[in-house]
Amino acid sequence: MVLLVPELSFLTGLSDIQKNSRMLKEVMWEMIQSPQQHYMRLTSLLRRIRDTPEASRELERWGLRLDTDIYKTQGHVLPMERINLRQRSFLPAEDLSWHREVTKEVPISVVSINSWVLIYPKRLQHLAKDLLAAMRSSCGAMGMQVGQPMVQELRDDRIETYVRTIQSALGSQDKVQLLLCIIPSGRDDVYGAIKKVCCVQAAVPSQVINAQSLMGHPGKIRSVVQKVLLQINCKLGGQLWGIDIPL
């Protein structure tokens, strides 16, 4: 039997069976809570310990006593940092998110994608088509240029097929800026193999997209593609945003 300490454990993912909207909402509700909710939970736990005779006796045996409230101290609220893009700057919203601004404005520096390879299994060709269309429609607002890729359509989704195709594609072109692969859902082994080739053997920037993230309504796909383009720009040496750091 393996016993894990909850306070030292971190949830890293769910199985495909559990990945339904209701389950994800419940998990996120437990993980992402406001300071007020944290406070209410802690004080509730402290009261339960105090009101449970067995728990109180156990603490007394150790010579311990828990207060029914947590320690309070005066905090310092830092001012908002101004986010700088190439042509304008702004203060983030209350939730400290600025995804909308960086996907509709030109970043500080942008790298055009001219020589790149797109690899996907044949059965996912409809997702590859949607991905290309979404990249082309989203890149303009972000000041990026996405050229026509060298497309490699795989007959199956086996690891060996991905690896051989990647090695062949990289060997047939002088300089490849980026390798973009679409992989079937739940194939961490394929992901690991692709990264091993691109990071260890060939040293080429790579972007791997799970097919599941490209399924759904157009708004969801566009949001995923925008984030992918931002990642790619950083991997190719671009700079998305900055802040003012006084001397």
C-alpha atoms as a PDB file:
ATOM      1  CA  MET A   1       0.000   0.000   0.000  1.00  0.00           C
ATOM      2  CA  VAL A   2       1.285   3.464  -0.941  1.00  0.00           C
ATOM      3  CA  LEU A   3       0.136   6.340   1.259  1.00  0.00           C
ATOM      4  CA  LEU A   4       0.404   9.861  -0.162  1.00  0.00           C
ATOM      5  CA  VAL A   5       0.378  13.048   1.925  1.00  0.00           C
ATOM      6  CA  PRO A   6      -2.393  15.230   0.397  1.00  0.00           C
ATOM      7  CA  GLU A   7      -0.594  18.491   1.169  1.00  0.00           C
ATOM      8  CA  LEU A   8       2.475  17.288  -0.759  1.00  0.00           C
ATOM      9  CA  SER A   9       0.576  15.879  -3.749  1.00  0.00           C
ATOM     10  CA  PHE A  10      -0.499  17.728  -6.864  1.00  0.00           C
ATOM     11  CA  LEU A  11      -3.133  16.697  -9.410  1.00  0.00           C
ATOM     12  CA  THR A  12      -1.536  16.555 -12.874  1.00  0.00           C
ATOM     13  CA  GLY A  13      -4.331  15.212 -15.037  1.00  0.00           C
ATOM     14  CA  LEU A  14      -7.368  13.029 -15.517  1.00  0.00           C
ATOM     15  CA  SER A  15      -7.928   9.888 -17.547  1.00  0.00           C
ATOM     16  CA  ASP A  16      -9.933  10.152 -20.767  1.00  0.00           C
ATOM     17  CA  ILE A  17     -12.877   8.464 -19.032  1.00  0.00           C
ATOM     18  CA  GLN A  18     -12.969  11.210 -16.406  1.00  0.00           C
ATOM     19  CA  LYS A  19     -12.551  14.076 -18.865  1.00  0.00           C
ATOM     20  CA  ASN A  20     -16.172  15.135 -19.084  1.00  0.00           C
ATOM     21  CA  SER A  21     -17.367  18.657 -18.395  1.00  0.00           C
ATOM     22  CA  ARG A  22     -19.050  17.829 -15.078  1.00  0.00           C
ATOM     23  CA  MET A  23     -15.989  16.099 -13.634  1.00  0.00           C
ATOM     24  CA  LEU A  24     -13.647  18.890 -14.773  1.00  0.00           C
ATOM     25  CA  LYS A  25     -15.893  21.570 -13.301  1.00  0.00           C
ATOM     26  CA  GLU A  26     -15.941  19.753  -9.947  1.00  0.00           C
ATOM     27  CA  VAL A  27     -12.158  19.360  -9.936  1.00  0.00           C
ATOM     28  CA  MET A  28     -11.584  23.014 -10.843  1.00  0.00           C
ATOM     29  CA  TRP A  29     -14.063  24.082  -8.169  1.00  0.00           C
ATOM     30  CA  GLU A  30     -11.970  22.224  -5.581  1.00  0.00           C
ATOM     31  CA  MET A  31      -8.600  23.468  -6.876  1.00  0.00           C
ATOM     32  CA  ILE A  32      -9.283  27.114  -7.721  1.00  0.00           C
ATOM     33  CA  GLN A  33     -10.772  28.928  -4.761  1.00  0.00           C
ATOM     34  CA  SER A  34     -10.761  32.505  -3.594  1.00  0.00           C
ATOM     35  CA  PRO A  35      -8.900  33.573  -0.424  1.00  0.00           C
ATOM     36  CA  GLN A  36     -12.285  33.966   1.288  1.00  0.00           C
ATOM     37  CA  GLN A  37     -13.215  30.358   0.430  1.00  0.00           C
ATOM     38  CA  HIS A  38      -9.857  29.130   1.737  1.00  0.00           C
ATOM     39  CA  TYR A  39     -10.442  31.041   4.958  1.00  0.00           C
ATOM     40  CA  MET A  40     -13.943  29.616   5.408  1.00  0.00           C
ATOM     41  CA  ARG A  41     -12.673  26.060   4.856  1.00  0.00           C
ATOM     42  CA  LEU A  42      -9.791  26.414   7.298  1.00  0.00           C
ATOM     43  CA  THR A  43     -11.905  27.924  10.078  1.00  0.00           C
ATOM     44  CA  SER A  44     -14.567  25.259   9.484  1.00  0.00           C
ATOM     45  CA  LEU A  45     -11.917  22.539   9.889  1.00  0.00           C
ATOM     46  CA  LEU A  46     -10.610  24.133  13.064  1.00  0.00           C
ATOM     47  CA  ARG A  47     -14.142  24.238  14.530  1.00  0.00           C
ATOM     48  CA  ARG A  48     -14.743  20.596  13.588  1.00  0.00           C
ATOM     49  CA  ILE A  49     -11.526  19.578  15.368  1.00  0.00           C
ATOM     50  CA  ARG A  50     -12.564  21.524  18.456  1.00  0.00           C
ATOM     51  CA  ASP A  51     -16.095  20.055  18.488  1.00  0.00           C
ATOM     52  CA  THR A  52     -15.003  16.444  17.896  1.00  0.00           C
ATOM     53  CA  PRO A  53     -14.170  14.804  21.257  1.00  0.00           C
ATOM     54  CA  GLU A  54     -11.798  12.212  19.734  1.00  0.00           C
ATOM     55  CA  ALA A  55      -9.776  14.905  17.943  1.00  0.00           C
ATOM     56  CA  SER A  56      -9.656  17.130  21.014  1.00  0.00           C
ATOM     57  CA  ARG A  57      -8.443  14.260  23.225  1.00  0.00           C
ATOM     58  CA  GLU A  58      -5.727  13.372  20.710  1.00  0.00           C
ATOM     59  CA  LEU A  59      -4.465  16.980  20.710  1.00  0.00           C
ATOM     60  CA  GLU A  60      -4.556  17.123  24.513  1.00  0.00           C
ATOM     61  CA  ARG A  61      -2.477  13.934  24.633  1.00  0.00           C
ATOM     62  CA  TRP A  62       0.217  15.781  22.708  1.00  0.00           C
ATOM     63  CA  GLY A  63      -0.196  18.944  24.766  1.00  0.00           C
ATOM     64  CA  LEU A  64      -1.502  20.895  21.761  1.00  0.00           C
ATOM     65  CA  ARG A  65      -4.327  23.387  21.381  1.00  0.00           C
ATOM     66  CA  LEU A  66      -5.568  24.828  18.081  1.00  0.00           C
ATOM     67  CA  ASP A  67      -7.076  28.280  17.927  1.00  0.00           C
ATOM     68  CA  THR A  68     -10.431  28.468  16.131  1.00  0.00           C
ATOM     69  CA  ASP A  69      -9.153  31.212  13.830  1.00  0.00           C
ATOM     70  CA  ILE A  70      -6.079  31.504  11.623  1.00  0.00           C
ATOM     71  CA  TYR A  71      -3.268  33.996  12.228  1.00  0.00           C
ATOM     72  CA  LYS A  72      -3.917  37.428  10.749  1.00  0.00           C
ATOM     73  CA  THR A  73      -1.355  40.016   9.696  1.00  0.00           C
ATOM     74  CA  GLN A  74      -1.338  43.236   7.707  1.00  0.00           C
ATOM     75  CA  GLY A  75      -0.701  42.545   4.008  1.00  0.00           C
ATOM     76  CA  HIS A  76       0.738  44.813   1.332  1.00  0.00           C
ATOM     77  CA  VAL A  77      -1.157  45.153  -1.958  1.00  0.00           C
ATOM     78  CA  LEU A  78       1.198  45.653  -4.900  1.00  0.00           C
ATOM     79  CA  PRO A  79       0.111  48.051  -7.630  1.00  0.00           C
ATOM     80  CA  MET A  80      -0.890  46.712 -11.040  1.00  0.00           C
ATOM     81  CA  GLU A  81       1.971  46.252 -13.512  1.00  0.00           C
ATOM     82  CA  ARG A  82       1.516  47.790 -16.946  1.00  0.00           C
ATOM     83  CA  ILE A  83       1.821  45.216 -19.759  1.00  0.00           C
ATOM     84  CA  ASN A  84       3.706  46.495 -22.813  1.00  0.00           C
ATOM     85  CA  LEU A  85       3.078  45.251 -26.348  1.00  0.00           C
ATOM     86  CA  ARG A  86       4.736  46.654 -29.471  1.00  0.00           C
ATOM     87  CA  GLN A  87       2.258  49.474 -30.135  1.00  0.00           C
ATOM     88  CA  ARG A  88       0.387  49.962 -26.874  1.00  0.00           C
ATOM     89  CA  SER A  89       0.386  49.186 -23.184  1.00  0.00           C
ATOM     90  CA  PHE A  90      -2.442  48.385 -20.771  1.00  0.00           C
ATOM     91  CA  LEU A  91      -3.284  47.346 -17.235  1.00  0.00           C
ATOM     92  CA  PRO A  92      -4.566  43.755 -16.855  1.00  0.00           C
ATOM     93  CA  ALA A  93      -8.122  43.008 -15.773  1.00  0.00           C
ATOM     94  CA  GLU A  94      -9.032  42.150 -12.195  1.00  0.00           C
ATOM     95  CA  ASP A  95      -8.481  38.439 -12.849  1.00  0.00           C
ATOM     96  CA  LEU A  96      -4.900  39.308 -13.961  1.00  0.00           C
ATOM     97  CA  SER A  97      -5.483  37.838 -17.414  1.00  0.00           C
ATOM     98  CA  TRP A  98      -4.370  39.463 -20.645  1.00  0.00           C
ATOM     99  CA  HIS A  99      -4.844  36.637 -23.138  1.00  0.00           C
ATOM    100  CA  ARG A 100      -7.383  38.638 -25.129  1.00  0.00           C
ATOM    101  CA  GLU A 101      -5.027  41.572 -25.628  1.00  0.00           C
ATOM    102  CA  VAL A 102      -2.010  39.533 -26.775  1.00  0.00           C
ATOM    103  CA  THR A 103      -4.091  37.627 -29.331  1.00  0.00           C
ATOM    104  CA  LYS A 104      -5.520  40.807 -30.884  1.00  0.00           C
ATOM    105  CA  GLU A 105      -2.416  42.996 -30.816  1.00  0.00           C
ATOM    106  CA  VAL A 106       1.091  42.717 -32.258  1.00  0.00           C
ATOM    107  CA  PRO A 107       3.636  41.355 -29.719  1.00  0.00           C
ATOM    108  CA  ILE A 108       6.949  43.084 -29.046  1.00  0.00           C
ATOM    109  CA  SER A 109       8.766  40.913 -31.584  1.00  0.00           C
ATOM    110  CA  VAL A 110       7.378  38.370 -34.036  1.00  0.00           C
ATOM    111  CA  VAL A 111       9.021  35.560 -36.001  1.00  0.00           C
ATOM    112  CA  SER A 112       7.404  34.571 -39.298  1.00  0.00           C
ATOM    113  CA  ILE A 113       6.925  30.845 -39.926  1.00  0.00           C
ATOM    114  CA  ASN A 114       8.176  30.214 -43.434  1.00  0.00           C
ATOM    115  CA  SER A 115       9.780  26.756 -43.399  1.00  0.00           C
ATOM    116  CA  TRP A 116       7.836  24.299 -41.297  1.00  0.00           C
ATOM    117  CA  VAL A 117       6.518  20.724 -41.377  1.00  0.00           C
ATOM    118  CA  LEU A 118       2.999  19.557 -40.459  1.00  0.00           C
ATOM    119  CA  ILE A 119       2.634  15.853 -39.576  1.00  0.00           C
ATOM    120  CA  TYR A 120      -0.596  14.031 -38.762  1.00  0.00           C
ATOM    121  CA  PRO A 121      -2.224  10.594 -39.210  1.00  0.00           C
ATOM    122  CA  LYS A 122      -4.508  10.261 -42.224  1.00  0.00           C
ATOM    123  CA  ARG A 123      -7.584   9.717 -40.063  1.00  0.00           C
ATOM    124  CA  LEU A 124      -7.030  13.172 -38.519  1.00  0.00           C
ATOM    125  CA  GLN A 125      -6.749  15.022 -41.837  1.00  0.00           C
ATOM    126  CA  HIS A 126      -9.985  16.966 -41.171  1.00  0.00           C
ATOM    127  CA  LEU A 127      -8.472  18.328 -37.934  1.00  0.00           C
ATOM    128  CA  ALA A 128      -5.268  19.277 -39.766  1.00  0.00           C
ATOM    129  CA  LYS A 129      -7.328  21.201 -42.315  1.00  0.00           C
ATOM    130  CA  ASP A 130      -9.215  23.041 -39.549  1.00  0.00           C
ATOM    131  CA  LEU A 131      -5.926  23.763 -37.764  1.00  0.00           C
ATOM    132  CA  LEU A 132      -4.337  25.332 -40.835  1.00  0.00           C
ATOM    133  CA  ALA A 133      -7.414  27.446 -41.523  1.00  0.00           C
ATOM    134  CA  ALA A 134      -7.544  28.661 -37.905  1.00  0.00           C
ATOM    135  CA  MET A 135      -3.816  29.493 -37.909  1.00  0.00           C
ATOM    136  CA  ARG A 136      -4.186  31.567 -41.066  1.00  0.00           C
ATOM    137  CA  SER A 137      -7.233  33.431 -39.751  1.00  0.00           C
ATOM    138  CA  SER A 138      -5.667  34.160 -36.340  1.00  0.00           C
ATOM    139  CA  CYS A 139      -2.071  35.015 -37.197  1.00  0.00           C
ATOM    140  CA  GLY A 140      -2.789  38.366 -38.911  1.00  0.00           C
ATOM    141  CA  ALA A 141      -4.089  40.116 -35.799  1.00  0.00           C
ATOM    142  CA  MET A 142      -0.984  38.942 -33.915  1.00  0.00           C
ATOM    143  CA  GLY A 143       1.361  40.277 -36.606  1.00  0.00           C
ATOM    144  CA  MET A 144       2.538  36.780 -37.550  1.00  0.00           C
ATOM    145  CA  GLN A 145       2.977  35.292 -41.020  1.00  0.00           C
ATOM    146  CA  VAL A 146       2.294  31.585 -41.465  1.00  0.00           C
ATOM    147  CA  GLY A 147       3.519  30.130 -44.753  1.00  0.00           C
ATOM    148  CA  GLN A 148       2.455  26.917 -46.449  1.00  0.00           C
ATOM    149  CA  PRO A 149       3.863  23.901 -44.568  1.00  0.00           C
ATOM    150  CA  MET A 150       5.410  20.763 -45.953  1.00  0.00           C
ATOM    151  CA  VAL A 151       2.626  18.293 -45.186  1.00  0.00           C
ATOM    152  CA  GLN A 152       3.342  14.686 -44.191  1.00  0.00           C
ATOM    153  CA  GLU A 153       0.254  12.483 -43.851  1.00  0.00           C
ATOM    154  CA  LEU A 154       0.878   9.250 -41.939  1.00  0.00           C
ATOM    155  CA  ARG A 155      -0.787   5.947 -42.785  1.00  0.00           C
ATOM    156  CA  ASP A 156      -1.086   5.090 -39.050  1.00  0.00           C
ATOM    157  CA  ASP A 157      -0.314   6.577 -35.651  1.00  0.00           C
ATOM    158  CA  ARG A 158       2.424   4.199 -34.492  1.00  0.00           C
ATOM    159  CA  ILE A 159       5.512   5.650 -32.804  1.00  0.00           C
ATOM    160  CA  GLU A 160       7.823   4.199 -35.460  1.00  0.00           C
ATOM    161  CA  THR A 161       5.822   5.889 -38.219  1.00  0.00           C
ATOM    162  CA  TYR A 162       6.060   9.294 -36.535  1.00  0.00           C
ATOM    163  CA  VAL A 163       9.804   8.952 -35.850  1.00  0.00           C
ATOM    164  CA  ARG A 164      10.724   7.755 -39.361  1.00  0.00           C
ATOM    165  CA  THR A 165       8.622  10.476 -41.006  1.00  0.00           C
ATOM    166  CA  ILE A 166      10.125  13.218 -38.824  1.00  0.00           C
ATOM    167  CA  GLN A 167      13.679  12.061 -39.510  1.00  0.00           C
ATOM    168  CA  SER A 168      12.962  11.879 -43.237  1.00  0.00           C
ATOM    169  CA  ALA A 169      11.319  15.331 -43.318  1.00  0.00           C
ATOM    170  CA  LEU A 170      14.172  16.965 -41.399  1.00  0.00           C
ATOM    171  CA  GLY A 171      16.735  15.303 -43.622  1.00  0.00           C
ATOM    172  CA  SER A 172      15.100  16.425 -46.866  1.00  0.00           C
ATOM    173  CA  GLN A 173      15.025  20.167 -46.062  1.00  0.00           C
ATOM    174  CA  ASP A 174      17.953  22.517 -45.467  1.00  0.00           C
ATOM    175  CA  LYS A 175      16.487  24.336 -42.496  1.00  0.00           C
ATOM    176  CA  VAL A 176      13.212  23.593 -40.731  1.00  0.00           C
ATOM    177  CA  GLN A 177      12.027  26.316 -38.357  1.00  0.00           C
ATOM    178  CA  LEU A 178       9.313  24.268 -36.737  1.00  0.00           C
ATOM    179  CA  LEU A 179       7.882  20.770 -36.625  1.00  0.00           C
ATOM    180  CA  LEU A 180       4.156  20.678 -35.784  1.00  0.00           C
ATOM    181  CA  CYS A 181       2.568  17.288 -35.060  1.00  0.00           C
ATOM    182  CA  ILE A 182      -1.041  16.341 -34.368  1.00  0.00           C
ATOM    183  CA  ILE A 183      -1.257  13.206 -32.215  1.00  0.00           C
ATOM    184  CA  PRO A 184      -4.253  11.090 -31.151  1.00  0.00           C
ATOM    185  CA  SER A 185      -5.728  11.701 -27.711  1.00  0.00           C
ATOM    186  CA  GLY A 186      -4.048   9.964 -24.813  1.00  0.00           C
ATOM    187  CA  ARG A 187      -0.842   9.056 -26.666  1.00  0.00           C
ATOM    188  CA  ASP A 188       1.824  10.248 -24.249  1.00  0.00           C
ATOM    189  CA  ASP A 189       4.229   7.677 -25.695  1.00  0.00           C
ATOM    190  CA  VAL A 190       4.012   9.331 -29.124  1.00  0.00           C
ATOM    191  CA  TYR A 191       4.529  12.754 -27.536  1.00  0.00           C
ATOM    192  CA  GLY A 192       7.646  11.537 -25.719  1.00  0.00           C
ATOM    193  CA  ALA A 193       9.093   9.995 -28.879  1.00  0.00           C
ATOM    194  CA  ILE A 194       8.544  13.201 -30.900  1.00  0.00           C
ATOM    195  CA  LYS A 195      10.192  15.352 -28.239  1.00  0.00           C
ATOM    196  CA  LYS A 196      13.142  12.964 -27.988  1.00  0.00           C
ATOM    197  CA  VAL A 197      13.795  13.230 -31.740  1.00  0.00           C
ATOM    198  CA  CYS A 198      13.376  17.016 -31.833  1.00  0.00           C
ATOM    199  CA  CYS A 199      15.183  17.882 -28.597  1.00  0.00           C
ATOM    200  CA  VAL A 200      17.973  15.281 -28.527  1.00  0.00           C
ATOM    201  CA  GLN A 201      18.647  14.114 -32.075  1.00  0.00           C
ATOM    202  CA  ALA A 202      17.728  16.984 -34.377  1.00  0.00           C
ATOM    203  CA  ALA A 203      17.456  20.140 -32.176  1.00  0.00           C
ATOM    204  CA  VAL A 204      14.411  21.535 -33.983  1.00  0.00           C
ATOM    205  CA  PRO A 205      11.622  23.524 -32.250  1.00  0.00           C
ATOM    206  CA  SER A 206       8.497  21.377 -32.064  1.00  0.00           C
ATOM    207  CA  GLN A 207       4.849  21.830 -31.208  1.00  0.00           C
ATOM    208  CA  VAL A 208       2.670  18.820 -30.444  1.00  0.00           C
ATOM    209  CA  ILE A 209      -1.115  19.242 -30.437  1.00  0.00           C
ATOM    210  CA  ASN A 210      -3.514  16.716 -28.932  1.00  0.00           C
ATOM    211  CA  ALA A 211      -6.339  15.929 -31.369  1.00  0.00           C
ATOM    212  CA  GLN A 212      -8.867  16.287 -28.544  1.00  0.00           C
ATOM    213  CA  SER A 213      -8.076  19.990 -28.191  1.00  0.00           C
ATOM    214  CA  LEU A 214      -8.991  20.590 -31.848  1.00  0.00           C
ATOM    215  CA  MET A 215     -12.449  19.072 -31.486  1.00  0.00           C
ATOM    216  CA  GLY A 216     -15.451  21.233 -30.652  1.00  0.00           C
ATOM    217  CA  HIS A 217     -17.006  24.481 -31.760  1.00  0.00           C
ATOM    218  CA  PRO A 218     -14.999  26.982 -33.869  1.00  0.00           C
ATOM    219  CA  GLY A 219     -14.605  29.411 -30.956  1.00  0.00           C
ATOM    220  CA  LYS A 220     -12.844  26.777 -28.845  1.00  0.00           C
ATOM    221  CA  ILE A 221     -10.536  25.759 -31.708  1.00  0.00           C
ATOM    222  CA  ARG A 222      -9.663  29.401 -32.413  1.00  0.00           C
ATOM    223  CA  SER A 223      -8.759  29.954 -28.757  1.00  0.00           C
ATOM    224  CA  VAL A 224      -6.516  26.854 -28.765  1.00  0.00           C
ATOM    225  CA  VAL A 225      -4.812  27.918 -32.007  1.00  0.00           C
ATOM    226  CA  GLN A 226      -4.179  31.432 -30.681  1.00  0.00           C
ATOM    227  CA  LYS A 227      -2.388  29.996 -27.650  1.00  0.00           C
ATOM    228  CA  VAL A 228      -0.432  27.616 -29.895  1.00  0.00           C
ATOM    229  CA  LEU A 229       0.718  30.520 -32.077  1.00  0.00           C
ATOM    230  CA  LEU A 230       1.887  32.411 -28.996  1.00  0.00           C
ATOM    231  CA  GLN A 231       3.874  29.360 -27.860  1.00  0.00           C
ATOM    232  CA  ILE A 232       5.393  28.919 -31.302  1.00  0.00           C
ATOM    233  CA  ASN A 233       6.433  32.574 -31.451  1.00  0.00           C
ATOM    234  CA  CYS A 234       8.280  32.186 -28.137  1.00  0.00           C
ATOM    235  CA  LYS A 235       9.928  28.917 -29.204  1.00  0.00           C
ATOM    236  CA  LEU A 236      11.225  30.589 -32.371  1.00  0.00           C
ATOM    237  CA  GLY A 237      12.739  33.484 -30.421  1.00  0.00           C
ATOM    238  CA  GLY A 238       9.908  36.025 -30.415  1.00  0.00           C
ATOM    239  CA  GLN A 239       8.845  38.130 -27.443  1.00  0.00           C
ATOM    240  CA  LEU A 240       5.187  38.447 -26.538  1.00  0.00           C
ATOM    241  CA  TRP A 241       5.039  41.163 -23.906  1.00  0.00           C
ATOM    242  CA  GLY A 242       7.079  42.947 -21.276  1.00  0.00           C
ATOM    243  CA  ILE A 243       6.803  45.132 -18.185  1.00  0.00           C
ATOM    244  CA  ASP A 244       8.629  48.235 -17.024  1.00  0.00           C
ATOM    245  CA  ILE A 245      11.475  47.338 -14.633  1.00  0.00           C
ATOM    246  CA  PRO A 246      12.976  50.535 -13.153  1.00  0.00           C
ATOM    247  CA  LEU A 247      16.733  50.662 -12.587  1.00  0.00           C
END
